[in-house]
Amino acid sequence: MLTPLPQLTATVSDQLARMCELYGVSPTLGRLYGLLFTAIGPVALDELATGIGAARSTTSVAMRRLVEVGVVERLPPRTDR
């Protein structure tokens, strides 16, 4: 679930995106990490893509990179039965 404080998420995400740019890292990673950092619990890939304004494929690649460096954890899909 995304945060109930969208302005906080936007500020954190924008600042992390700027910091990533300074270090030669894709700003998409910063935006994605900011969104995840301020989220309340797990967030589905589609929600993440919408939240950062990127294609699902771009978001998936960015998520893989964040998982690789160990700053986020991928959870198994929910089974709603």
N, C-alpha and C. Protein backbone atom coordinates (compact mmCIF):
# COMPACT_ATOMS: atom_id res chain seq x y z
N MET A 1 0.84 -1.18 0.00
CA MET A 1 0.00 0.00 0.00
C MET A 1 0.89 1.25 0.00
N LEU A 2 0.55 2.16 -0.86
CA LEU A 2 1.32 3.40 -0.92
C LEU A 2 0.98 4.28 0.28
N THR A 3 1.80 5.25 0.53
CA THR A 3 1.65 6.11 1.69
C THR A 3 0.43 7.02 1.59
N PRO A 4 -0.18 7.36 2.73
CA PRO A 4 -1.27 8.33 2.71
C PRO A 4 -0.74 9.77 2.64
N LEU A 5 0.59 9.93 2.54
CA LEU A 5 1.20 11.25 2.48
C LEU A 5 1.92 11.43 1.13
N PRO A 6 1.17 11.66 0.07
CA PRO A 6 1.78 11.73 -1.26
C PRO A 6 2.82 12.84 -1.41
N GLN A 7 2.67 13.95 -0.70
CA GLN A 7 3.65 15.03 -0.80
C GLN A 7 4.99 14.59 -0.22
N LEU A 8 4.95 13.85 0.89
CA LEU A 8 6.18 13.32 1.49
C LEU A 8 6.87 12.37 0.51
N THR A 9 6.10 11.48 -0.08
CA THR A 9 6.65 10.53 -1.04
C THR A 9 7.30 11.27 -2.21
N ALA A 10 6.62 12.28 -2.73
CA ALA A 10 7.15 13.03 -3.87
C ALA A 10 8.45 13.73 -3.50
N THR A 11 8.50 14.34 -2.32
CA THR A 11 9.71 15.05 -1.89
C THR A 11 10.87 14.09 -1.71
N VAL A 12 10.64 12.99 -1.00
CA VAL A 12 11.69 12.00 -0.76
C VAL A 12 12.18 11.41 -2.08
N SER A 13 11.24 11.04 -2.94
CA SER A 13 11.59 10.44 -4.23
C SER A 13 12.39 11.40 -5.10
N ASP A 14 11.97 12.66 -5.15
CA ASP A 14 12.69 13.65 -5.96
C ASP A 14 14.11 13.87 -5.45
N GLN A 15 14.26 13.96 -4.14
CA GLN A 15 15.59 14.18 -3.57
C GLN A 15 16.51 12.97 -3.81
N LEU A 16 15.97 11.77 -3.66
CA LEU A 16 16.77 10.57 -3.92
C LEU A 16 17.13 10.47 -5.41
N ALA A 17 16.22 10.87 -6.28
CA ALA A 17 16.51 10.86 -7.72
C ALA A 17 17.65 11.83 -8.03
N ARG A 18 17.64 13.00 -7.41
CA ARG A 18 18.72 13.98 -7.61
C ARG A 18 20.05 13.44 -7.10
N MET A 19 20.02 12.80 -5.94
CA MET A 19 21.24 12.24 -5.38
C MET A 19 21.79 11.14 -6.29
N CYS A 20 20.92 10.32 -6.83
CA CYS A 20 21.36 9.27 -7.75
C CYS A 20 22.04 9.89 -8.97
N GLU A 21 21.46 10.95 -9.52
CA GLU A 21 22.06 11.62 -10.67
C GLU A 21 23.46 12.12 -10.37
N LEU A 22 23.64 12.65 -9.18
CA LEU A 22 24.96 13.16 -8.79
C LEU A 22 26.03 12.06 -8.81
N TYR A 23 25.61 10.84 -8.52
CA TYR A 23 26.55 9.72 -8.47
C TYR A 23 26.52 8.85 -9.73
N GLY A 24 25.86 9.35 -10.77
CA GLY A 24 25.84 8.63 -12.03
C GLY A 24 24.92 7.42 -12.07
N VAL A 25 23.95 7.40 -11.18
CA VAL A 25 22.98 6.30 -11.11
C VAL A 25 21.66 6.80 -11.69
N SER A 26 20.91 5.92 -12.29
CA SER A 26 19.63 6.30 -12.88
C SER A 26 18.70 6.92 -11.83
N PRO A 27 18.14 8.09 -12.11
CA PRO A 27 17.21 8.71 -11.16
C PRO A 27 15.96 7.86 -10.92
N THR A 28 15.65 6.98 -11.85
CA THR A 28 14.52 6.08 -11.66
C THR A 28 14.71 5.23 -10.41
N LEU A 29 15.94 4.81 -10.15
CA LEU A 29 16.22 4.02 -8.95
C LEU A 29 15.91 4.83 -7.69
N GLY A 30 16.27 6.10 -7.70
CA GLY A 30 15.99 6.96 -6.55
C GLY A 30 14.51 7.17 -6.34
N ARG A 31 13.79 7.42 -7.43
CA ARG A 31 12.33 7.60 -7.31
C ARG A 31 11.67 6.34 -6.78
N LEU A 32 12.10 5.21 -7.31
CA LEU A 32 11.52 3.93 -6.90
C LEU A 32 11.83 3.66 -5.43
N TYR A 33 13.07 3.88 -5.02
CA TYR A 33 13.44 3.64 -3.63
C TYR A 33 12.68 4.58 -2.69
N GLY A 34 12.52 5.83 -3.10
CA GLY A 34 11.76 6.79 -2.30
C GLY A 34 10.32 6.36 -2.11
N LEU A 35 9.72 5.86 -3.18
CA LEU A 35 8.34 5.39 -3.09
C LEU A 35 8.26 4.19 -2.15
N LEU A 36 9.19 3.26 -2.28
CA LEU A 36 9.19 2.08 -1.42
C LEU A 36 9.49 2.44 0.03
N PHE A 37 10.39 3.39 0.24
CA PHE A 37 10.78 3.80 1.58
C PHE A 37 9.60 4.39 2.35
N THR A 38 8.74 5.11 1.66
CA THR A 38 7.60 5.77 2.31
C THR A 38 6.32 4.93 2.27
N ALA A 39 6.36 3.79 1.59
CA ALA A 39 5.17 2.94 1.47
C ALA A 39 4.85 2.26 2.79
N ILE A 40 3.59 1.95 2.95
CA ILE A 40 3.14 1.20 4.12
C ILE A 40 2.94 -0.24 3.68
N GLY A 41 3.96 -1.06 3.85
CA GLY A 41 3.87 -2.46 3.47
C GLY A 41 4.26 -2.70 2.03
N PRO A 42 4.09 -3.94 1.57
CA PRO A 42 4.47 -4.31 0.20
C PRO A 42 3.66 -3.55 -0.86
N VAL A 43 4.29 -3.34 -2.02
CA VAL A 43 3.64 -2.63 -3.12
C VAL A 43 3.80 -3.46 -4.39
N ALA A 44 2.72 -3.65 -5.12
CA ALA A 44 2.74 -4.42 -6.37
C ALA A 44 3.50 -3.64 -7.45
N LEU A 45 4.08 -4.37 -8.40
CA LEU A 45 4.85 -3.76 -9.48
C LEU A 45 4.04 -2.74 -10.27
N ASP A 46 2.78 -3.04 -10.54
CA ASP A 46 1.93 -2.10 -11.28
C ASP A 46 1.75 -0.78 -10.51
N GLU A 47 1.58 -0.87 -9.19
CA GLU A 47 1.46 0.33 -8.37
C GLU A 47 2.76 1.13 -8.38
N LEU A 48 3.88 0.42 -8.33
CA LEU A 48 5.18 1.08 -8.37
C LEU A 48 5.37 1.84 -9.68
N ALA A 49 5.05 1.17 -10.78
CA ALA A 49 5.20 1.79 -12.11
C ALA A 49 4.34 3.06 -12.21
N THR A 50 3.11 2.96 -11.76
CA THR A 50 2.22 4.12 -11.78
C THR A 50 2.76 5.22 -10.87
N GLY A 51 3.24 4.83 -9.70
CA GLY A 51 3.73 5.78 -8.71
C GLY A 51 4.94 6.58 -9.16
N ILE A 52 5.82 5.96 -9.95
CA ILE A 52 7.01 6.69 -10.41
C ILE A 52 6.85 7.20 -11.84
N GLY A 53 5.72 6.89 -12.46
CA GLY A 53 5.46 7.36 -13.82
C GLY A 53 6.35 6.72 -14.86
N ALA A 54 6.63 5.44 -14.69
CA ALA A 54 7.49 4.71 -15.63
C ALA A 54 6.77 3.48 -16.15
N ALA A 55 7.27 2.95 -17.25
CA ALA A 55 6.70 1.72 -17.81
C ALA A 55 6.94 0.57 -16.83
N ARG A 56 6.09 -0.43 -16.91
CA ARG A 56 6.22 -1.61 -16.05
C ARG A 56 7.57 -2.29 -16.28
N SER A 57 8.01 -2.36 -17.51
CA SER A 57 9.30 -3.00 -17.82
C SER A 57 10.46 -2.23 -17.21
N THR A 58 10.42 -0.90 -17.28
CA THR A 58 11.46 -0.06 -16.68
C THR A 58 11.47 -0.25 -15.16
N THR A 59 10.30 -0.29 -14.58
CA THR A 59 10.17 -0.48 -13.14
C THR A 59 10.70 -1.84 -12.72
N SER A 60 10.42 -2.85 -13.51
CA SER A 60 10.90 -4.20 -13.20
C SER A 60 12.42 -4.27 -13.22
N VAL A 61 13.04 -3.65 -14.22
CA VAL A 61 14.51 -3.63 -14.31
C VAL A 61 15.09 -2.87 -13.12
N ALA A 62 14.49 -1.75 -12.76
CA ALA A 62 14.97 -0.95 -11.62
C ALA A 62 14.82 -1.74 -10.32
N MET A 63 13.71 -2.45 -10.17
CA MET A 63 13.51 -3.27 -8.97
C MET A 63 14.57 -4.36 -8.87
N ARG A 64 14.87 -4.99 -9.99
CA ARG A 64 15.92 -6.03 -9.98
C ARG A 64 17.24 -5.45 -9.49
N ARG A 65 17.56 -4.25 -9.93
CA ARG A 65 18.81 -3.61 -9.52
C ARG A 65 18.80 -3.31 -8.02
N LEU A 66 17.69 -2.82 -7.50
CA LEU A 66 17.59 -2.54 -6.06
C LEU A 66 17.69 -3.82 -5.24
N VAL A 67 17.14 -4.90 -5.76
CA VAL A 67 17.25 -6.21 -5.09
C VAL A 67 18.71 -6.67 -5.12
N GLU A 68 19.36 -6.52 -6.27
CA GLU A 68 20.76 -6.94 -6.42
C GLU A 68 21.69 -6.25 -5.43
N VAL A 69 21.47 -4.97 -5.20
CA VAL A 69 22.35 -4.24 -4.29
C VAL A 69 21.92 -4.39 -2.83
N GLY A 70 20.80 -5.05 -2.62
CA GLY A 70 20.39 -5.40 -1.27
C GLY A 70 19.64 -4.34 -0.49
N VAL A 71 19.06 -3.36 -1.18
CA VAL A 71 18.33 -2.32 -0.45
C VAL A 71 16.82 -2.58 -0.36
N VAL A 72 16.33 -3.50 -1.19
CA VAL A 72 14.92 -3.91 -1.11
C VAL A 72 14.85 -5.43 -1.21
N GLU A 73 13.70 -5.94 -0.85
CA GLU A 73 13.46 -7.38 -0.87
C GLU A 73 12.23 -7.66 -1.72
N ARG A 74 12.36 -8.61 -2.61
CA ARG A 74 11.21 -9.01 -3.42
C ARG A 74 10.43 -10.07 -2.66
N LEU A 75 9.13 -9.87 -2.54
CA LEU A 75 8.28 -10.83 -1.85
C LEU A 75 7.52 -11.67 -2.87
N PRO A 76 7.13 -12.88 -2.48
CA PRO A 76 6.35 -13.72 -3.41
C PRO A 76 4.98 -13.06 -3.65
N PRO A 77 4.41 -13.34 -4.82
CA PRO A 77 3.09 -12.76 -5.12
C PRO A 77 2.05 -13.20 -4.08
N ARG A 78 1.13 -12.30 -3.82
CA ARG A 78 0.02 -12.65 -2.90
C ARG A 78 -0.92 -13.62 -3.56
N THR A 79 -1.43 -14.53 -2.81
CA THR A 79 -2.46 -15.44 -3.32
C THR A 79 -3.75 -15.11 -2.59
N ASP A 80 -4.62 -14.40 -3.26
CA ASP A 80 -5.90 -13.99 -2.66
C ASP A 80 -6.94 -15.04 -2.98
N ARG A 81 -7.16 -15.89 -2.02
CA ARG A 81 -8.17 -16.95 -2.21
C ARG A 81 -9.24 -16.84 -1.17
